[in-house]
Amino acid sequence: MSDAPSEAPADVPDDLRYASSHEWARLEDGVVTVGITDFAQQALGDVVFVELPELDAQLQSGVEAGVVESVKAASDIYAPVSGTVVAVNDALEDTPESVNEDPYGDGWFFKVEPDDPEELDELLDADGYTEMCESDDEDH
């Protein structure tokens, strides 16, 4: 496996839902795993620190849940769904680069037990997210 060049198109898995603020959400066994997208990590550059929500925190959809810092900038992380935080990825404290290396795997941020799983239906699918990113690129 070779590393993809940074100008490679962003990876947008079909099995996830996406927030317009560049978080992804995966529903498994009644729990939603959240991270930032490949597009977002490419835009941020090398991630050096991630501030995650507290365990058992009550999150509201669209409200700040944490912060991701890179060598370029700090960016807020928003909750894509409302619910209770049931897990956080403590490994990111020691290996924040996982966000760049594996944004949809080891680079996940937190897991939420959603108040209403149907909130996921309000998020973008892969095609909708890709179109949004492409139009954002054209605007800049």
C-alpha atoms as a PDB file:
ATOM      1  CA  MET A   1       0.000   0.000   0.000  1.00  0.00           C
ATOM      2  CA  SER A   2       1.307   3.403  -0.878  1.00  0.00           C
ATOM      3  CA  ASP A   3       0.395   6.669   0.761  1.00  0.00           C
ATOM      4  CA  ALA A   4      -2.006   8.656  -1.377  1.00  0.00           C
ATOM      5  CA  PRO A   5      -0.709  12.078  -2.380  1.00  0.00           C
ATOM      6  CA  SER A   6      -2.290  14.943  -0.466  1.00  0.00           C
ATOM      7  CA  GLU A   7      -4.019  16.197  -3.607  1.00  0.00           C
ATOM      8  CA  ALA A   8      -5.869  12.889  -3.982  1.00  0.00           C
ATOM      9  CA  PRO A   9      -9.649  13.179  -3.880  1.00  0.00           C
ATOM     10  CA  ALA A  10     -11.065  12.709  -0.412  1.00  0.00           C
ATOM     11  CA  ASP A  11     -12.274   9.255   0.569  1.00  0.00           C
ATOM     12  CA  VAL A  12     -16.039   9.341   1.281  1.00  0.00           C
ATOM     13  CA  PRO A  13     -17.330   5.892   2.348  1.00  0.00           C
ATOM     14  CA  ASP A  14     -20.900   5.110   1.239  1.00  0.00           C
ATOM     15  CA  ASP A  15     -21.892   3.526   4.562  1.00  0.00           C
ATOM     16  CA  LEU A  16     -21.560   6.720   6.634  1.00  0.00           C
ATOM     17  CA  ARG A  17     -23.627   9.875   7.109  1.00  0.00           C
ATOM     18  CA  TYR A  18     -22.016  13.324   6.983  1.00  0.00           C
ATOM     19  CA  ALA A  19     -22.563  16.698   8.640  1.00  0.00           C
ATOM     20  CA  SER A  20     -22.001  19.872   6.617  1.00  0.00           C
ATOM     21  CA  SER A  21     -19.386  20.753   9.277  1.00  0.00           C
ATOM     22  CA  HIS A  22     -17.296  17.738   8.063  1.00  0.00           C
ATOM     23  CA  GLU A  23     -17.991  15.169  10.789  1.00  0.00           C
ATOM     24  CA  TRP A  24     -18.961  11.617   9.847  1.00  0.00           C
ATOM     25  CA  ALA A  25     -21.359   9.361  11.745  1.00  0.00           C
ATOM     26  CA  ARG A  26     -21.654   5.559  11.717  1.00  0.00           C
ATOM     27  CA  LEU A  27     -24.587   3.830  13.458  1.00  0.00           C
ATOM     28  CA  GLU A  28     -23.744   0.365  14.819  1.00  0.00           C
ATOM     29  CA  ASP A  29     -25.727  -1.532  17.446  1.00  0.00           C
ATOM     30  CA  GLY A  30     -27.595   1.590  18.564  1.00  0.00           C
ATOM     31  CA  VAL A  31     -24.419   3.661  19.031  1.00  0.00           C
ATOM     32  CA  VAL A  32     -23.141   6.401  16.705  1.00  0.00           C
ATOM     33  CA  THR A  33     -19.361   6.643  16.184  1.00  0.00           C
ATOM     34  CA  VAL A  34     -18.164  10.136  15.210  1.00  0.00           C
ATOM     35  CA  GLY A  35     -14.992  11.465  13.588  1.00  0.00           C
ATOM     36  CA  ILE A  36     -13.910  14.020  11.001  1.00  0.00           C
ATOM     37  CA  THR A  37     -13.859  13.273   7.309  1.00  0.00           C
ATOM     38  CA  ASP A  38     -10.888  12.630   5.070  1.00  0.00           C
ATOM     39  CA  PHE A  39     -11.667  15.964   3.362  1.00  0.00           C
ATOM     40  CA  ALA A  40     -11.463  17.750   6.740  1.00  0.00           C
ATOM     41  CA  GLN A  41      -8.209  16.107   7.836  1.00  0.00           C
ATOM     42  CA  GLN A  42      -6.617  16.940   4.465  1.00  0.00           C
ATOM     43  CA  ALA A  43      -7.683  20.581   4.853  1.00  0.00           C
ATOM     44  CA  LEU A  44      -6.380  20.741   8.427  1.00  0.00           C
ATOM     45  CA  GLY A  45      -2.998  19.169   7.741  1.00  0.00           C
ATOM     46  CA  ASP A  46      -1.063  17.322  10.445  1.00  0.00           C
ATOM     47  CA  VAL A  47      -3.266  16.915  13.531  1.00  0.00           C
ATOM     48  CA  VAL A  48      -1.317  17.545  16.753  1.00  0.00           C
ATOM     49  CA  PHE A  49      -4.044  17.598  19.440  1.00  0.00           C
ATOM     50  CA  VAL A  50      -7.672  16.573  19.899  1.00  0.00           C
ATOM     51  CA  GLU A  51      -9.922  17.756  22.735  1.00  0.00           C
ATOM     52  CA  LEU A  52     -12.816  15.330  23.179  1.00  0.00           C
ATOM     53  CA  PRO A  53     -16.061  15.568  25.158  1.00  0.00           C
ATOM     54  CA  GLU A  54     -16.323  14.028  28.623  1.00  0.00           C
ATOM     55  CA  LEU A  55     -17.777  10.545  29.072  1.00  0.00           C
ATOM     56  CA  ASP A  56     -21.521  10.782  29.877  1.00  0.00           C
ATOM     57  CA  ALA A  57     -21.690  14.336  28.466  1.00  0.00           C
ATOM     58  CA  GLN A  58     -25.027  15.285  26.900  1.00  0.00           C
ATOM     59  CA  LEU A  59     -24.448  16.511  23.350  1.00  0.00           C
ATOM     60  CA  GLN A  60     -26.797  18.502  21.143  1.00  0.00           C
ATOM     61  CA  SER A  61     -26.787  18.069  17.388  1.00  0.00           C
ATOM     62  CA  GLY A  62     -24.897  20.901  15.689  1.00  0.00           C
ATOM     63  CA  VAL A  63     -23.329  22.132  18.945  1.00  0.00           C
ATOM     64  CA  GLU A  64     -19.576  22.139  19.653  1.00  0.00           C
ATOM     65  CA  ALA A  65     -18.405  18.864  21.203  1.00  0.00           C
ATOM     66  CA  GLY A  66     -14.614  19.259  21.044  1.00  0.00           C
ATOM     67  CA  VAL A  67     -11.660  20.739  19.190  1.00  0.00           C
ATOM     68  CA  VAL A  68      -9.108  19.375  16.744  1.00  0.00           C
ATOM     69  CA  GLU A  69      -5.814  21.249  16.381  1.00  0.00           C
ATOM     70  CA  SER A  70      -3.363  20.928  13.527  1.00  0.00           C
ATOM     71  CA  VAL A  71      -0.163  22.658  12.564  1.00  0.00           C
ATOM     72  CA  LYS A  72      -2.339  25.011  10.458  1.00  0.00           C
ATOM     73  CA  ALA A  73      -5.390  25.745  12.626  1.00  0.00           C
ATOM     74  CA  ALA A  74      -7.758  24.787  15.421  1.00  0.00           C
ATOM     75  CA  SER A  75     -11.240  23.722  14.405  1.00  0.00           C
ATOM     76  CA  ASP A  76     -14.339  22.936  16.437  1.00  0.00           C
ATOM     77  CA  ILE A  77     -15.850  19.455  16.310  1.00  0.00           C
ATOM     78  CA  TYR A  78     -19.658  19.444  16.260  1.00  0.00           C
ATOM     79  CA  ALA A  79     -21.982  16.658  17.367  1.00  0.00           C
ATOM     80  CA  PRO A  80     -23.820  15.307  14.305  1.00  0.00           C
ATOM     81  CA  VAL A  81     -26.566  13.881  16.566  1.00  0.00           C
ATOM     82  CA  SER A  82     -27.901  14.598  20.050  1.00  0.00           C
ATOM     83  CA  GLY A  83     -27.234  12.043  22.765  1.00  0.00           C
ATOM     84  CA  THR A  84     -24.997  10.793  25.556  1.00  0.00           C
ATOM     85  CA  VAL A  85     -21.259  10.206  25.095  1.00  0.00           C
ATOM     86  CA  VAL A  86     -20.618   6.518  25.858  1.00  0.00           C
ATOM     87  CA  ALA A  87     -16.971   6.295  24.711  1.00  0.00           C
ATOM     88  CA  VAL A  88     -14.087   8.568  23.754  1.00  0.00           C
ATOM     89  CA  ASN A  89     -10.977   7.631  21.798  1.00  0.00           C
ATOM     90  CA  ASP A  90      -8.353   8.183  24.500  1.00  0.00           C
ATOM     91  CA  ALA A  91      -5.666   6.827  22.144  1.00  0.00           C
ATOM     92  CA  LEU A  92      -5.778  10.158  20.270  1.00  0.00           C
ATOM     93  CA  GLU A  93      -4.117  11.801  23.274  1.00  0.00           C
ATOM     94  CA  ASP A  94      -0.885   9.947  22.440  1.00  0.00           C
ATOM     95  CA  THR A  95      -1.409   9.417  18.706  1.00  0.00           C
ATOM     96  CA  PRO A  96      -3.384  12.366  17.257  1.00  0.00           C
ATOM     97  CA  GLU A  97      -1.845  11.557  13.874  1.00  0.00           C
ATOM     98  CA  SER A  98      -4.351   8.662  13.653  1.00  0.00           C
ATOM     99  CA  VAL A  99      -6.876  11.297  12.544  1.00  0.00           C
ATOM    100  CA  ASN A 100      -4.754  11.891   9.414  1.00  0.00           C
ATOM    101  CA  GLU A 101      -3.723   8.282   8.859  1.00  0.00           C
ATOM    102  CA  ASP A 102      -7.100   6.570   9.390  1.00  0.00           C
ATOM    103  CA  PRO A 103      -9.932   9.119   9.785  1.00  0.00           C
ATOM    104  CA  TYR A 104     -12.677   6.476   9.451  1.00  0.00           C
ATOM    105  CA  GLY A 105     -10.958   3.850  11.616  1.00  0.00           C
ATOM    106  CA  ASP A 106      -8.438   4.424  14.416  1.00  0.00           C
ATOM    107  CA  GLY A 107      -8.973   8.191  14.102  1.00  0.00           C
ATOM    108  CA  TRP A 108     -12.564   8.156  15.423  1.00  0.00           C
ATOM    109  CA  PHE A 109     -13.319  10.751  18.147  1.00  0.00           C
ATOM    110  CA  PHE A 110     -16.250   9.656  20.304  1.00  0.00           C
ATOM    111  CA  LYS A 111     -19.330   7.429  20.449  1.00  0.00           C
ATOM    112  CA  VAL A 112     -22.814   8.654  21.264  1.00  0.00           C
ATOM    113  CA  GLU A 113     -25.961   6.833  22.307  1.00  0.00           C
ATOM    114  CA  PRO A 114     -28.388   8.922  20.246  1.00  0.00           C
ATOM    115  CA  ASP A 115     -31.545  10.409  21.732  1.00  0.00           C
ATOM    116  CA  ASP A 116     -33.200   9.868  18.345  1.00  0.00           C
ATOM    117  CA  PRO A 117     -31.398   7.650  15.789  1.00  0.00           C
ATOM    118  CA  GLU A 118     -33.604   9.166  13.064  1.00  0.00           C
ATOM    119  CA  GLU A 119     -31.518  12.363  13.394  1.00  0.00           C
ATOM    120  CA  LEU A 120     -28.996  10.526  11.198  1.00  0.00           C
ATOM    121  CA  ASP A 121     -31.492  10.789   8.336  1.00  0.00           C
ATOM    122  CA  GLU A 122     -31.043  14.573   8.428  1.00  0.00           C
ATOM    123  CA  LEU A 123     -27.318  14.218   7.637  1.00  0.00           C
ATOM    124  CA  LEU A 124     -25.864  14.037   4.135  1.00  0.00           C
ATOM    125  CA  ASP A 125     -25.198  10.763   2.352  1.00  0.00           C
ATOM    126  CA  ALA A 126     -21.851  10.186   0.611  1.00  0.00           C
ATOM    127  CA  ASP A 127     -23.017  11.715  -2.693  1.00  0.00           C
ATOM    128  CA  GLY A 128     -24.492  14.774  -0.982  1.00  0.00           C
ATOM    129  CA  TYR A 129     -21.344  15.322   1.062  1.00  0.00           C
ATOM    130  CA  THR A 130     -19.085  14.933  -1.988  1.00  0.00           C
ATOM    131  CA  GLU A 131     -21.183  17.468  -3.926  1.00  0.00           C
ATOM    132  CA  MET A 132     -21.003  19.917  -1.001  1.00  0.00           C
ATOM    133  CA  CYS A 133     -17.197  19.600  -0.806  1.00  0.00           C
ATOM    134  CA  GLU A 134     -16.821  20.067  -4.564  1.00  0.00           C
ATOM    135  CA  SER A 135     -18.990  23.200  -4.544  1.00  0.00           C
ATOM    136  CA  ASP A 136     -17.037  24.541  -1.522  1.00  0.00           C
ATOM    137  CA  ASP A 137     -13.815  24.055  -3.505  1.00  0.00           C
ATOM    138  CA  GLU A 138     -15.280  25.998  -6.442  1.00  0.00           C
ATOM    139  CA  ASP A 139     -16.313  28.866  -4.135  1.00  0.00           C
ATOM    140  CA  HIS A 140     -12.741  29.440  -2.925  1.00  0.00           C
END
